[in-house]
Protein backbone atom coordinates (compact mmCIF):
# COMPACT_ATOMS: atom_id res chain seq x y z
CA MET A 1 -16.00 23.16 -23.96
CA ALA A 2 -13.06 21.44 -22.49
CA SER A 3 -10.98 19.01 -24.72
CA TYR A 4 -10.33 15.54 -23.51
CA THR A 5 -7.19 13.58 -23.46
CA LYS A 6 -6.58 10.06 -22.57
CA ILE A 7 -3.19 9.24 -20.77
CA ASN A 8 -1.22 6.73 -23.07
CA ASP A 9 -0.45 4.38 -20.39
CA PHE A 10 -4.12 4.23 -19.15
CA VAL A 11 -4.99 1.11 -21.29
CA GLN A 12 -1.71 -0.80 -20.20
CA ASP A 13 -2.39 0.11 -16.73
CA LEU A 14 -5.90 -1.58 -17.06
CA GLY A 15 -4.44 -4.80 -18.45
CA THR A 16 -1.82 -4.83 -15.65
CA GLU A 17 -4.81 -4.56 -12.79
CA VAL A 18 -3.27 -0.92 -12.03
CA HIS A 19 -7.00 0.23 -12.05
CA ASN A 20 -10.27 -1.33 -10.73
CA LEU A 21 -12.70 1.41 -12.22
CA SER A 22 -15.44 -0.14 -10.09
CA SER A 23 -14.19 0.33 -6.81
CA ASP A 24 -10.97 2.68 -6.90
CA THR A 25 -10.89 6.35 -5.47
CA LEU A 26 -10.72 8.62 -8.59
CA THR A 27 -9.52 12.20 -7.76
CA ILE A 28 -8.87 15.59 -9.44
CA ALA A 29 -5.48 17.39 -9.83
CA LEU A 30 -5.47 20.77 -11.08
CA CYS A 31 -2.50 22.14 -13.20
CA ALA A 32 -1.77 25.77 -14.20
CA THR A 33 -1.32 26.86 -17.96
CA ALA A 34 2.42 26.90 -17.59
CA ASN A 35 2.46 23.21 -16.11
CA ALA A 36 0.56 21.29 -18.89
CA PRO A 37 0.05 17.53 -18.44
CA ALA A 38 0.78 15.47 -21.36
CA ALA A 39 -0.55 12.24 -22.68
CA THR A 40 2.97 10.71 -22.06
CA ASN A 41 2.84 11.59 -18.33
CA GLY A 42 1.97 8.45 -16.30
CA GLN A 43 1.47 9.10 -12.41
CA LEU A 44 0.72 12.08 -10.38
CA SER A 45 4.27 12.99 -9.53
CA ASP A 46 4.85 13.69 -13.27
CA LEU A 47 2.45 16.64 -12.80
CA THR A 48 3.02 20.04 -11.19
CA GLU A 49 -0.02 20.85 -9.42
CA ILE A 50 -1.42 24.20 -8.11
CA SER A 51 -2.08 25.03 -4.27
CA TYR A 52 -5.40 23.33 -3.26
CA THR A 53 -5.66 25.77 -0.23
CA ASN A 54 -9.29 27.04 -0.08
CA LEU A 55 -10.58 24.35 -2.41
CA SER A 56 -13.30 21.98 -1.72
CA THR A 57 -13.14 18.18 -2.01
CA ARG A 58 -11.56 16.90 -5.20
CA VAL A 59 -12.60 13.23 -4.96
CA ILE A 60 -14.96 12.00 -7.62
CA THR A 61 -17.92 9.75 -7.23
CA THR A 62 -18.00 6.91 -9.69
CA THR A 63 -21.49 6.30 -10.69
CA SER A 64 -20.72 2.97 -12.57
CA PHE A 65 -18.51 1.00 -14.57
CA THR A 66 -20.55 -1.37 -16.85
CA ASN A 67 -20.08 -3.69 -19.48
CA THR A 68 -22.78 -4.10 -22.50
CA THR A 69 -22.11 -6.51 -25.37
CA GLY A 70 -18.35 -6.03 -24.89
CA THR A 71 -18.29 -2.22 -24.55
CA SER A 72 -17.41 -0.85 -20.89
CA LYS A 73 -18.32 2.71 -19.99
CA LEU A 74 -17.06 4.60 -17.01
CA ILE A 75 -20.00 7.12 -15.70
CA LEU A 76 -18.75 9.79 -13.10
CA ALA A 77 -21.03 11.89 -11.00
CA ASP A 78 -20.57 15.59 -11.85
CA LEU A 79 -18.22 17.53 -9.32
CA THR A 80 -18.53 21.07 -8.01
CA LEU A 81 -15.12 22.61 -6.96
CA THR A 82 -15.81 25.63 -4.60
CA ALA A 83 -13.34 28.27 -3.25
CA SER A 84 -13.94 28.95 0.30
CA GLY A 85 -11.77 30.99 2.68
CA GLY A 86 -9.92 32.56 -0.12
CA ALA A 87 -9.36 32.35 -3.85
CA VAL A 88 -7.86 29.18 -5.71
CA ALA A 89 -4.95 29.40 -7.79
CA ALA A 90 -5.29 29.60 -11.55
CA PHE A 91 -5.69 26.30 -13.55
CA GLN A 92 -6.12 25.24 -17.08
CA TYR A 93 -5.88 21.49 -16.72
CA VAL A 94 -8.24 19.12 -15.01
CA VAL A 95 -6.70 15.77 -14.39
CA ILE A 96 -8.32 12.62 -13.34
CA TYR A 97 -5.99 10.11 -11.61
CA ASN A 98 -6.44 6.98 -9.49
CA GLU A 99 -5.87 7.61 -5.83
CA SER A 100 -6.03 4.08 -4.85
CA ALA A 101 -3.21 2.93 -7.44
CA ALA A 102 0.20 2.54 -5.88
CA ASN A 103 1.76 5.77 -7.61
CA ASP A 104 -1.55 7.80 -8.36
CA GLU A 105 -1.81 6.72 -12.02
CA LEU A 106 -3.17 9.09 -14.22
CA VAL A 107 -6.52 8.32 -16.27
CA ALA A 108 -7.04 11.40 -18.57
CA PHE A 109 -7.14 15.42 -18.52
CA TYR A 110 -9.27 18.04 -19.70
CA ASP A 111 -7.86 21.26 -21.10
CA TYR A 112 -10.04 24.09 -20.47
CA GLY A 113 -8.21 26.43 -23.23
CA LYS A 114 -7.49 29.28 -20.81
CA ALA A 115 -6.62 29.59 -17.12
CA LEU A 116 -9.66 29.67 -14.85
CA THR A 117 -9.84 31.35 -11.53
CA LEU A 118 -12.00 30.76 -8.66
CA ALA A 119 -12.59 33.60 -6.16
CA ASP A 120 -13.74 32.81 -2.63
CA GLY A 121 -17.22 31.73 -2.99
CA GLU A 122 -16.97 31.01 -6.66
CA SER A 123 -17.62 27.31 -7.99
CA ILE A 124 -17.04 25.34 -11.11
CA LEU A 125 -19.10 22.43 -12.37
CA LEU A 126 -17.05 19.55 -13.99
CA ASP A 127 -19.89 18.23 -15.78
CA PHE A 128 -18.98 14.48 -16.59
CA ASP A 129 -20.98 13.05 -19.50
CA ALA A 130 -23.77 10.95 -17.84
CA SER A 131 -24.78 9.27 -20.95
CA ASN A 132 -21.64 8.41 -22.98
CA GLY A 133 -19.25 8.29 -19.94
CA VAL A 134 -15.83 9.75 -19.05
CA LEU A 135 -14.46 6.75 -21.40
CA THR A 136 -15.91 3.87 -23.31
CA ILE A 137 -13.54 0.92 -23.75
CA ALA A 138 -14.75 -1.22 -26.80
């Protein structure tokens, strides 16, 4: 199971209107084991990404960002990444970033604990928690 890390600047970015989680486009960035993201990274340019040649779309569908009695929850649809036309470079970290934000600000990342590879035709399901959400703000 992948471990989750929230980006330190994320909450500040919410307060300064960098993110609109109801409508912004969230996208996946992938990083190799040697290029681990850190909670102190703030934007996509802080990361070293793998090559996305042969990889399917990385855009995530936001199912909902709702508020119930003062607690907001971000629900994302599961995303399947598929290698097509060749292998995809090895990666260990799956980073969620806001493609709609001016500097592609980061939201959070998952550490899979070891390098993952996708050969041509192979897929990986990014199974986001549909019940508890990717993040909850209370």
